[in-house]
Each structure stands twice: as structure tokens, then as C-alpha cells.
Amino acid sequence: MRLHQANEVAQGADSWERLHQGSPEAFVEALCQDALAHSAVDHPYLRRLAAGDLPDPELAIRDYCHQYYFYSAAFPSYLKSVLQRLEDPVHREMILQNLHEEQGRDPANPENIPHTELFQRFRRAAGVDEAYDAEHGPCATVQIWRDQFLQTCGSQHPGVGLGAIGIATEMIVSRVYAYLHQAVVAHTEMTPDDFLFLTLHMECDDGHADQMKRISVELAEDRSHREALRFGVLTSLNLRSTFWDVMLQRALAQ
């Protein structure tokens, strides 16, 4: 990073202050800091789930696995929607690589199991069997989150979808899943193979985030793309935080 860019970042400006001034690097870094400070990343639900500070931690984990699946299972569709809006071949290749990993084509996933199937394994290990599925449907909030997130990823403004899937998702997921990993290890009898979905994403998504941040910096040369990136990031984080709000109340009511 060039010296004047480093100085801009060091000033700690919020991303809205960088919408129409400063370097693209400084804007994206400020946007990343805004994202990491958002409640979606360090929500009371996540902290309490990790600590077991809930009436029934194991039941809360089961409910998480069941509800989150309705959002998570659509992840390949989110990536495809973003991919369709990008014109630069290099940018498209980065997203395509991520999609291939979601489909199981990843050296870190020697069994080549699609991530949707890994999450299904995680659900089953948490006690979400076919009978549970039949008796418990998705809550309204997770359905709205899934639908709104898919719409966001498919925005005609490419920065919106990129901000949603990149800074607001890939960049934060290793931190979010660290809470869930702690909860599963402490409060269930699952084996590492059962929660491979979590560990794979904790290990690989930071690399995806770095790639998407590089794309974001290049897009942010255009001021209108800065607005789109910021809109995608904040909209997506707000949706995720609202889901955590609902999940906390569900866990407290069980």
C-alpha cells in the first residue's frame, strides 16, 4: 500500500466519508472496518451460543443448523448471480473458483463433497433428521433473508452483489463460524468429520475474501461503484444481524 493510502487508512475514517474522496484502497479498508464492527459479526446470540449461556445449548445448536441451512443451501445461487454481473474476465475467474470449491472441487476437501452436502451432514449430526425436518419449517426471517440476499447478489449494479458476497460474507464468516465451532465442540458429541463444513470455511474463506477485496478496490476507482459496494455490504450485514436477533429469541424460548 502506498504511503498516502496507508495514512488515509490510519486516520480511521468511516466508509461513508470515503465515498467521494480518497483512494480506492482507503475506501475498501474503511468499509472492511465498518463490517467487522457490525453486530452481525459479534452478536449476543453468537457469544451466548459459544458460551452455552442459553436454556438448552444443544437444542439451540440444532435449531441453528436447521434454520441456517435454508440460507446456506442457496450459496451457489448467490455466487452465480454475482458472476453474471461481472464483466472483467479476471474478476469472473475469481468468483468461478469460489463456486468450484462450493461444488466440492477443492484440495482441502479430499472427498470432493459439495458444501451443501457437508452442511447436510452437519445438520444430521446435530439431530436434524427427516422427522425433525417434517415437523419444523423455516422461520419467516430466514426465508426473507435468503430471498433478499439473492436479490442483492443479482443487482444490476455489480458492486452491490460483490459487497454482499465478499466483505459482508466471505470476510466475516471465519469469525462467525469460530463461535459456532466453539459451541459445537463444547456442547455436543459431534466429531470433526461431522462439522467439517465449519472448519473448511474457517480455513478457506479468508482467501476468498482477499480476492474479493482486490476486485472491490478495482471497482472502487469509480465513485458510483463505491456507493454500490457500501450498499451491498451494509444491507447484507443488517439482514444477517436480524436473523441472529430472531435466533436468540428462539433459543431463549426453548
C-alpha atoms as a PDB file:
ATOM      1  CA  MET A   1       0.000   0.000   0.000  1.00  0.00           C
ATOM      2  CA  ARG A   2       1.347   3.407  -0.991  1.00  0.00           C
ATOM      3  CA  LEU A   3       2.286   5.826   1.814  1.00  0.00           C
ATOM      4  CA  HIS A   4      -0.577   8.281   1.267  1.00  0.00           C
ATOM      5  CA  GLN A   5      -3.019   5.370   1.179  1.00  0.00           C
ATOM      6  CA  ALA A   6      -1.660   3.992   4.441  1.00  0.00           C
ATOM      7  CA  ASN A   7      -2.079   7.407   6.051  1.00  0.00           C
ATOM      8  CA  GLU A   8      -5.690   7.573   4.859  1.00  0.00           C
ATOM      9  CA  VAL A   9      -6.457   4.207   6.426  1.00  0.00           C
ATOM     10  CA  ALA A  10      -4.704   5.117   9.636  1.00  0.00           C
ATOM     11  CA  GLN A  11      -7.000   8.109  10.092  1.00  0.00           C
ATOM     12  CA  GLY A  12      -9.837   5.655  10.742  1.00  0.00           C
ATOM     13  CA  ALA A  13     -12.413   7.349   8.508  1.00  0.00           C
ATOM     14  CA  ASP A  14     -15.737   5.574   8.171  1.00  0.00           C
ATOM     15  CA  SER A  15     -16.549   4.322   4.695  1.00  0.00           C
ATOM     16  CA  TRP A  16     -19.210   6.979   4.058  1.00  0.00           C
ATOM     17  CA  GLU A  17     -16.501   9.631   4.361  1.00  0.00           C
ATOM     18  CA  ARG A  18     -14.579   7.867   1.569  1.00  0.00           C
ATOM     19  CA  LEU A  19     -17.441   7.673  -0.911  1.00  0.00           C
ATOM     20  CA  HIS A  20     -16.259  10.688  -2.875  1.00  0.00           C
ATOM     21  CA  GLN A  21     -12.734  11.295  -1.698  1.00  0.00           C
ATOM     22  CA  GLY A  22      -9.538   9.360  -1.110  1.00  0.00           C
ATOM     23  CA  SER A  23      -8.087   6.288  -2.762  1.00  0.00           C
ATOM     24  CA  PRO A  24      -9.991   3.104  -3.603  1.00  0.00           C
ATOM     25  CA  GLU A  25      -7.753   1.190  -1.185  1.00  0.00           C
ATOM     26  CA  ALA A  26      -8.617   3.534   1.675  1.00  0.00           C
ATOM     27  CA  PHE A  27     -12.340   3.284   0.906  1.00  0.00           C
ATOM     28  CA  VAL A  28     -12.344  -0.535   0.837  1.00  0.00           C
ATOM     29  CA  GLU A  29     -10.283  -0.749   4.020  1.00  0.00           C
ATOM     30  CA  ALA A  30     -12.696   1.621   5.780  1.00  0.00           C
ATOM     31  CA  LEU A  31     -15.618  -0.462   4.517  1.00  0.00           C
ATOM     32  CA  CYS A  32     -13.973  -3.614   5.877  1.00  0.00           C
ATOM     33  CA  GLN A  33     -13.559  -1.976   9.279  1.00  0.00           C
ATOM     34  CA  ASP A  34     -17.213  -0.925   9.257  1.00  0.00           C
ATOM     35  CA  ALA A  35     -18.178  -4.523   8.503  1.00  0.00           C
ATOM     36  CA  LEU A  36     -16.036  -6.023  11.259  1.00  0.00           C
ATOM     37  CA  ALA A  37     -17.562  -3.607  13.776  1.00  0.00           C
ATOM     38  CA  HIS A  38     -21.126  -4.589  12.802  1.00  0.00           C
ATOM     39  CA  SER A  39     -23.353  -6.558  15.171  1.00  0.00           C
ATOM     40  CA  ALA A  40     -23.664  -9.320  12.578  1.00  0.00           C
ATOM     41  CA  VAL A  41     -20.072 -10.340  13.360  1.00  0.00           C
ATOM     42  CA  ASP A  42     -20.138 -10.204  17.163  1.00  0.00           C
ATOM     43  CA  HIS A  43     -23.787 -10.678  18.056  1.00  0.00           C
ATOM     44  CA  PRO A  44     -25.002 -11.607  21.572  1.00  0.00           C
ATOM     45  CA  TYR A  45     -26.537 -14.744  20.054  1.00  0.00           C
ATOM     46  CA  LEU A  46     -23.151 -15.915  18.804  1.00  0.00           C
ATOM     47  CA  ARG A  47     -21.418 -15.148  22.091  1.00  0.00           C
ATOM     48  CA  ARG A  48     -24.097 -16.870  24.164  1.00  0.00           C
ATOM     49  CA  LEU A  49     -24.190 -19.888  21.865  1.00  0.00           C
ATOM     50  CA  ALA A  50     -20.422 -20.322  22.158  1.00  0.00           C
ATOM     51  CA  ALA A  51     -20.529 -19.928  25.949  1.00  0.00           C
ATOM     52  CA  GLY A  52     -23.508 -22.225  26.414  1.00  0.00           C
ATOM     53  CA  ASP A  53     -25.348 -19.331  28.050  1.00  0.00           C
ATOM     54  CA  LEU A  54     -28.761 -20.490  26.825  1.00  0.00           C
ATOM     55  CA  PRO A  55     -31.522 -22.633  28.377  1.00  0.00           C
ATOM     56  CA  ASP A  56     -30.601 -25.651  26.201  1.00  0.00           C
ATOM     57  CA  PRO A  57     -27.356 -25.170  24.213  1.00  0.00           C
ATOM     58  CA  GLU A  58     -27.641 -28.456  22.323  1.00  0.00           C
ATOM     59  CA  LEU A  59     -31.194 -27.705  21.231  1.00  0.00           C
ATOM     60  CA  ALA A  60     -30.130 -24.188  20.214  1.00  0.00           C
ATOM     61  CA  ILE A  61     -27.356 -25.646  18.029  1.00  0.00           C
ATOM     62  CA  ARG A  62     -29.867 -27.995  16.409  1.00  0.00           C
ATOM     63  CA  ASP A  63     -32.174 -25.063  15.706  1.00  0.00           C
ATOM     64  CA  TYR A  64     -29.259 -23.089  14.248  1.00  0.00           C
ATOM     65  CA  CYS A  65     -28.280 -25.958  11.937  1.00  0.00           C
ATOM     66  CA  HIS A  66     -31.863 -26.364  10.791  1.00  0.00           C
ATOM     67  CA  GLN A  67     -32.677 -22.691  10.168  1.00  0.00           C
ATOM     68  CA  TYR A  68     -29.322 -21.585   8.762  1.00  0.00           C
ATOM     69  CA  TYR A  69     -29.494 -24.338   6.153  1.00  0.00           C
ATOM     70  CA  PHE A  70     -32.323 -22.544   4.349  1.00  0.00           C
ATOM     71  CA  TYR A  71     -29.966 -19.624   3.725  1.00  0.00           C
ATOM     72  CA  SER A  72     -26.753 -21.601   3.278  1.00  0.00           C
ATOM     73  CA  ALA A  73     -28.101 -24.107   0.734  1.00  0.00           C
ATOM     74  CA  ALA A  74     -28.601 -21.287  -1.782  1.00  0.00           C
ATOM     75  CA  PHE A  75     -24.961 -20.137  -1.644  1.00  0.00           C
ATOM     76  CA  PRO A  76     -24.076 -21.432  -5.141  1.00  0.00           C
ATOM     77  CA  SER A  77     -27.010 -19.422  -6.484  1.00  0.00           C
ATOM     78  CA  TYR A  78     -25.696 -16.291  -4.761  1.00  0.00           C
ATOM     79  CA  LEU A  79     -22.297 -16.760  -6.380  1.00  0.00           C
ATOM     80  CA  LYS A  80     -23.815 -17.379  -9.815  1.00  0.00           C
ATOM     81  CA  SER A  81     -25.852 -14.189  -9.517  1.00  0.00           C
ATOM     82  CA  VAL A  82     -22.731 -12.134  -8.712  1.00  0.00           C
ATOM     83  CA  LEU A  83     -20.820 -13.866 -11.501  1.00  0.00           C
ATOM     84  CA  GLN A  84     -23.421 -12.838 -14.073  1.00  0.00           C
ATOM     85  CA  ARG A  85     -22.913  -9.144 -13.247  1.00  0.00           C
ATOM     86  CA  LEU A  86     -19.116  -9.044 -13.567  1.00  0.00           C
ATOM     87  CA  GLU A  87     -17.563  -8.212 -16.913  1.00  0.00           C
ATOM     88  CA  ASP A  88     -13.820  -8.439 -16.227  1.00  0.00           C
ATOM     89  CA  PRO A  89     -12.585 -11.992 -17.037  1.00  0.00           C
ATOM     90  CA  VAL A  90     -10.135 -11.924 -14.122  1.00  0.00           C
ATOM     91  CA  HIS A  91     -12.881 -10.964 -11.698  1.00  0.00           C
ATOM     92  CA  ARG A  92     -15.155 -13.658 -13.089  1.00  0.00           C
ATOM     93  CA  GLU A  93     -12.448 -16.289 -12.719  1.00  0.00           C
ATOM     94  CA  MET A  94     -12.018 -15.456  -9.023  1.00  0.00           C
ATOM     95  CA  ILE A  95     -15.726 -15.931  -8.357  1.00  0.00           C
ATOM     96  CA  LEU A  96     -15.804 -19.058 -10.504  1.00  0.00           C
ATOM     97  CA  GLN A  97     -13.005 -20.572  -8.421  1.00  0.00           C
ATOM     98  CA  ASN A  98     -15.091 -19.965  -5.302  1.00  0.00           C
ATOM     99  CA  LEU A  99     -18.080 -21.627  -6.961  1.00  0.00           C
ATOM    100  CA  HIS A 100     -15.985 -24.669  -7.855  1.00  0.00           C
ATOM    101  CA  GLU A 101     -14.966 -25.027  -4.214  1.00  0.00           C
ATOM    102  CA  GLU A 102     -18.613 -24.824  -3.170  1.00  0.00           C
ATOM    103  CA  GLN A 103     -19.243 -27.698  -5.569  1.00  0.00           C
ATOM    104  CA  GLY A 104     -16.530 -29.791  -3.881  1.00  0.00           C
ATOM    105  CA  ARG A 105     -13.613 -29.214  -6.247  1.00  0.00           C
ATOM    106  CA  ASP A 106     -11.072 -28.201  -3.618  1.00  0.00           C
ATOM    107  CA  PRO A 107      -7.791 -29.828  -2.454  1.00  0.00           C
ATOM    108  CA  ALA A 108      -8.814 -29.088   1.145  1.00  0.00           C
ATOM    109  CA  ASN A 109     -11.904 -31.241   0.575  1.00  0.00           C
ATOM    110  CA  PRO A 110     -10.353 -34.602  -0.470  1.00  0.00           C
ATOM    111  CA  GLU A 111     -13.730 -36.346  -0.657  1.00  0.00           C
ATOM    112  CA  ASN A 112     -14.918 -33.710  -3.155  1.00  0.00           C
ATOM    113  CA  ILE A 113     -18.209 -33.335  -1.320  1.00  0.00           C
ATOM    114  CA  PRO A 114     -20.270 -30.254  -2.254  1.00  0.00           C
ATOM    115  CA  HIS A 115     -20.563 -27.818   0.622  1.00  0.00           C
ATOM    116  CA  THR A 116     -24.341 -28.138   0.652  1.00  0.00           C
ATOM    117  CA  GLU A 117     -23.900 -31.850   1.404  1.00  0.00           C
ATOM    118  CA  LEU A 118     -21.323 -31.093   4.101  1.00  0.00           C
ATOM    119  CA  PHE A 119     -23.816 -28.814   5.781  1.00  0.00           C
ATOM    120  CA  GLN A 120     -26.456 -31.520   5.498  1.00  0.00           C
ATOM    121  CA  ARG A 121     -24.057 -33.862   7.308  1.00  0.00           C
ATOM    122  CA  PHE A 122     -23.628 -31.195   9.982  1.00  0.00           C
ATOM    123  CA  ARG A 123     -27.411 -30.883  10.371  1.00  0.00           C
ATOM    124  CA  ARG A 124     -27.915 -34.623  10.711  1.00  0.00           C
ATOM    125  CA  ALA A 125     -25.187 -34.852  13.351  1.00  0.00           C
ATOM    126  CA  ALA A 126     -26.967 -32.087  15.279  1.00  0.00           C
ATOM    127  CA  GLY A 127     -30.158 -34.161  15.339  1.00  0.00           C
ATOM    128  CA  VAL A 128     -31.988 -32.635  12.387  1.00  0.00           C
ATOM    129  CA  ASP A 129     -33.362 -35.869  10.930  1.00  0.00           C
ATOM    130  CA  GLU A 130     -36.181 -36.309   8.413  1.00  0.00           C
ATOM    131  CA  ALA A 131     -38.800 -36.324  11.156  1.00  0.00           C
ATOM    132  CA  TYR A 132     -37.455 -33.053  12.549  1.00  0.00           C
ATOM    133  CA  ASP A 133     -37.468 -31.563   9.060  1.00  0.00           C
ATOM    134  CA  ALA A 134     -41.085 -32.571   8.596  1.00  0.00           C
ATOM    135  CA  GLU A 135     -42.165 -31.011  11.889  1.00  0.00           C
ATOM    136  CA  HIS A 136     -40.122 -27.789  11.755  1.00  0.00           C
ATOM    137  CA  GLY A 137     -40.251 -25.495   8.764  1.00  0.00           C
ATOM    138  CA  PRO A 138     -38.084 -22.460   8.071  1.00  0.00           C
ATOM    139  CA  CYS A 139     -38.833 -19.357  10.099  1.00  0.00           C
ATOM    140  CA  ALA A 140     -40.065 -16.294   8.219  1.00  0.00           C
ATOM    141  CA  THR A 141     -36.841 -14.359   8.809  1.00  0.00           C
ATOM    142  CA  VAL A 142     -34.530 -16.923   7.200  1.00  0.00           C
ATOM    143  CA  GLN A 143     -36.789 -17.118   4.152  1.00  0.00           C
ATOM    144  CA  ILE A 144     -36.780 -13.343   3.818  1.00  0.00           C
ATOM    145  CA  TRP A 145     -33.006 -13.248   4.340  1.00  0.00           C
ATOM    146  CA  ARG A 146     -32.435 -15.852   1.620  1.00  0.00           C
ATOM    147  CA  ASP A 147     -34.729 -14.113  -0.857  1.00  0.00           C
ATOM    148  CA  GLN A 148     -33.416 -10.611  -0.147  1.00  0.00           C
ATOM    149  CA  PHE A 149     -29.811 -11.755  -0.269  1.00  0.00           C
ATOM    150  CA  LEU A 150     -30.351 -13.439  -3.620  1.00  0.00           C
ATOM    151  CA  GLN A 151     -31.934 -10.238  -4.914  1.00  0.00           C
ATOM    152  CA  THR A 152     -28.989  -8.225  -3.593  1.00  0.00           C
ATOM    153  CA  CYS A 153     -26.466 -10.516  -5.268  1.00  0.00           C
ATOM    154  CA  GLY A 154     -28.327 -10.155  -8.560  1.00  0.00           C
ATOM    155  CA  SER A 155     -28.413  -6.359  -8.550  1.00  0.00           C
ATOM    156  CA  GLN A 156     -27.755  -4.649 -11.869  1.00  0.00           C
ATOM    157  CA  HIS A 157     -25.003  -2.716 -10.082  1.00  0.00           C
ATOM    158  CA  PRO A 158     -22.143  -5.254  -9.813  1.00  0.00           C
ATOM    159  CA  GLY A 159     -20.730  -3.647  -6.685  1.00  0.00           C
ATOM    160  CA  VAL A 160     -23.877  -4.447  -4.715  1.00  0.00           C
ATOM    161  CA  GLY A 161     -23.584  -8.195  -5.155  1.00  0.00           C
ATOM    162  CA  LEU A 162     -19.823  -8.146  -4.755  1.00  0.00           C
ATOM    163  CA  GLY A 163     -20.072  -6.224  -1.487  1.00  0.00           C
ATOM    164  CA  ALA A 164     -22.723  -8.635  -0.244  1.00  0.00           C
ATOM    165  CA  ILE A 165     -20.880 -11.848  -1.051  1.00  0.00           C
ATOM    166  CA  GLY A 166     -17.371 -10.516  -0.376  1.00  0.00           C
ATOM    167  CA  ILE A 167     -16.848  -8.094   2.502  1.00  0.00           C
ATOM    168  CA  ALA A 168     -20.241  -8.833   4.092  1.00  0.00           C
ATOM    169  CA  THR A 169     -19.944 -12.620   3.863  1.00  0.00           C
ATOM    170  CA  GLU A 170     -16.604 -14.202   2.926  1.00  0.00           C
ATOM    171  CA  MET A 171     -14.629 -11.736   5.033  1.00  0.00           C
ATOM    172  CA  ILE A 172     -16.652 -12.251   8.216  1.00  0.00           C
ATOM    173  CA  VAL A 173     -17.574 -15.925   8.046  1.00  0.00           C
ATOM    174  CA  SER A 174     -14.397 -17.257   9.655  1.00  0.00           C
ATOM    175  CA  ARG A 175     -15.109 -15.081  12.702  1.00  0.00           C
ATOM    176  CA  VAL A 176     -18.772 -16.077  12.831  1.00  0.00           C
ATOM    177  CA  TYR A 177     -18.033 -19.777  12.426  1.00  0.00           C
ATOM    178  CA  ALA A 178     -15.420 -19.605  15.178  1.00  0.00           C
ATOM    179  CA  TYR A 179     -18.264 -19.008  17.645  1.00  0.00           C
ATOM    180  CA  LEU A 180     -20.213 -21.927  16.216  1.00  0.00           C
ATOM    181  CA  HIS A 181     -17.160 -24.182  16.250  1.00  0.00           C
ATOM    182  CA  GLN A 182     -16.645 -23.383  19.933  1.00  0.00           C
ATOM    183  CA  ALA A 183     -20.299 -24.157  20.650  1.00  0.00           C
ATOM    184  CA  VAL A 184     -20.264 -27.489  18.817  1.00  0.00           C
ATOM    185  CA  VAL A 185     -17.052 -28.690  20.468  1.00  0.00           C
ATOM    186  CA  ALA A 186     -18.190 -27.683  23.949  1.00  0.00           C
ATOM    187  CA  HIS A 187     -21.856 -28.642  23.888  1.00  0.00           C
ATOM    188  CA  THR A 188     -22.286 -31.611  21.528  1.00  0.00           C
ATOM    189  CA  GLU A 189     -20.752 -35.025  20.897  1.00  0.00           C
ATOM    190  CA  MET A 190     -20.018 -34.281  17.242  1.00  0.00           C
ATOM    191  CA  THR A 191     -16.778 -35.466  15.658  1.00  0.00           C
ATOM    192  CA  PRO A 192     -14.544 -33.253  13.480  1.00  0.00           C
ATOM    193  CA  ASP A 193     -15.888 -35.064  10.443  1.00  0.00           C
ATOM    194  CA  ASP A 194     -19.411 -34.015  11.430  1.00  0.00           C
ATOM    195  CA  PHE A 195     -18.565 -30.303  11.435  1.00  0.00           C
ATOM    196  CA  LEU A 196     -16.109 -30.320   8.535  1.00  0.00           C
ATOM    197  CA  PHE A 197     -18.314 -27.653   6.928  1.00  0.00           C
ATOM    198  CA  LEU A 198     -17.286 -25.219   9.658  1.00  0.00           C
ATOM    199  CA  THR A 199     -13.566 -25.943   9.629  1.00  0.00           C
ATOM    200  CA  LEU A 200     -13.319 -25.806   5.827  1.00  0.00           C
ATOM    201  CA  HIS A 201     -14.877 -22.360   5.760  1.00  0.00           C
ATOM    202  CA  MET A 202     -12.835 -21.102   8.679  1.00  0.00           C
ATOM    203  CA  GLU A 203      -9.688 -22.093   6.775  1.00  0.00           C
ATOM    204  CA  CYS A 204     -10.512 -21.079   3.185  1.00  0.00           C
ATOM    205  CA  ASP A 205     -12.885 -18.117   3.267  1.00  0.00           C
ATOM    206  CA  ASP A 206     -10.248 -15.567   4.283  1.00  0.00           C
ATOM    207  CA  GLY A 207      -8.535 -16.321   0.963  1.00  0.00           C
ATOM    208  CA  HIS A 208     -11.801 -15.770  -0.883  1.00  0.00           C
ATOM    209  CA  ALA A 209     -12.263 -12.512   0.987  1.00  0.00           C
ATOM    210  CA  ASP A 210      -8.824 -11.273  -0.062  1.00  0.00           C
ATOM    211  CA  GLN A 211      -9.658 -11.948  -3.698  1.00  0.00           C
ATOM    212  CA  MET A 212     -12.981 -10.151  -3.465  1.00  0.00           C
ATOM    213  CA  LYS A 213     -11.369  -7.204  -1.698  1.00  0.00           C
ATOM    214  CA  ARG A 214      -8.959  -6.888  -4.636  1.00  0.00           C
ATOM    215  CA  ILE A 215     -11.910  -6.830  -7.036  1.00  0.00           C
ATOM    216  CA  SER A 216     -13.627  -4.264  -4.802  1.00  0.00           C
ATOM    217  CA  VAL A 217     -10.596  -1.969  -4.887  1.00  0.00           C
ATOM    218  CA  GLU A 218     -10.575  -2.058  -8.683  1.00  0.00           C
ATOM    219  CA  LEU A 219     -14.312  -1.325  -8.858  1.00  0.00           C
ATOM    220  CA  ALA A 220     -13.941   1.476  -6.306  1.00  0.00           C
ATOM    221  CA  GLU A 221     -11.969   3.526  -8.803  1.00  0.00           C
ATOM    222  CA  ASP A 222     -15.483   4.517  -9.942  1.00  0.00           C
ATOM    223  CA  ARG A 223     -17.332   6.554  -7.281  1.00  0.00           C
ATOM    224  CA  SER A 224     -20.700   5.060  -8.237  1.00  0.00           C
ATOM    225  CA  HIS A 225     -19.308   1.579  -7.574  1.00  0.00           C
ATOM    226  CA  ARG A 226     -18.275   2.741  -4.103  1.00  0.00           C
ATOM    227  CA  GLU A 227     -21.885   3.541  -3.297  1.00  0.00           C
ATOM    228  CA  ALA A 228     -22.974   0.156  -4.651  1.00  0.00           C
ATOM    229  CA  LEU A 229     -20.326  -1.726  -2.688  1.00  0.00           C
ATOM    230  CA  ARG A 230     -21.258   0.012   0.544  1.00  0.00           C
ATOM    231  CA  PHE A 231     -24.965  -0.565  -0.046  1.00  0.00           C
ATOM    232  CA  GLY A 232     -24.383  -4.273  -0.638  1.00  0.00           C
ATOM    233  CA  VAL A 233     -22.214  -4.650   2.447  1.00  0.00           C
ATOM    234  CA  LEU A 234     -24.474  -2.832   4.895  1.00  0.00           C
ATOM    235  CA  THR A 235     -27.711  -4.304   3.548  1.00  0.00           C
ATOM    236  CA  SER A 236     -26.358  -7.823   3.853  1.00  0.00           C
ATOM    237  CA  LEU A 237     -24.940  -7.319   7.332  1.00  0.00           C
ATOM    238  CA  ASN A 238     -28.243  -5.884   8.526  1.00  0.00           C
ATOM    239  CA  LEU A 239     -30.087  -8.938   7.180  1.00  0.00           C
ATOM    240  CA  ARG A 240     -27.700 -11.315   8.961  1.00  0.00           C
ATOM    241  CA  SER A 241     -27.926  -9.391  12.236  1.00  0.00           C
ATOM    242  CA  THR A 242     -31.724  -9.502  12.080  1.00  0.00           C
ATOM    243  CA  PHE A 243     -31.526 -13.270  11.668  1.00  0.00           C
ATOM    244  CA  TRP A 244     -29.306 -13.516  14.766  1.00  0.00           C
ATOM    245  CA  ASP A 245     -31.856 -11.428  16.693  1.00  0.00           C
ATOM    246  CA  VAL A 246     -34.563 -13.943  15.855  1.00  0.00           C
ATOM    247  CA  MET A 247     -32.356 -16.935  16.593  1.00  0.00           C
ATOM    248  CA  LEU A 248     -31.533 -15.573  20.038  1.00  0.00           C
ATOM    249  CA  GLN A 249     -35.205 -15.227  20.881  1.00  0.00           C
ATOM    250  CA  ARG A 250     -35.892 -18.729  19.611  1.00  0.00           C
ATOM    251  CA  ALA A 251     -33.079 -20.105  21.766  1.00  0.00           C
ATOM    252  CA  LEU A 252     -34.327 -18.266  24.862  1.00  0.00           C
ATOM    253  CA  ALA A 253     -37.882 -19.529  24.305  1.00  0.00           C
ATOM    254  CA  GLN A 254     -36.935 -23.206  24.008  1.00  0.00           C
END
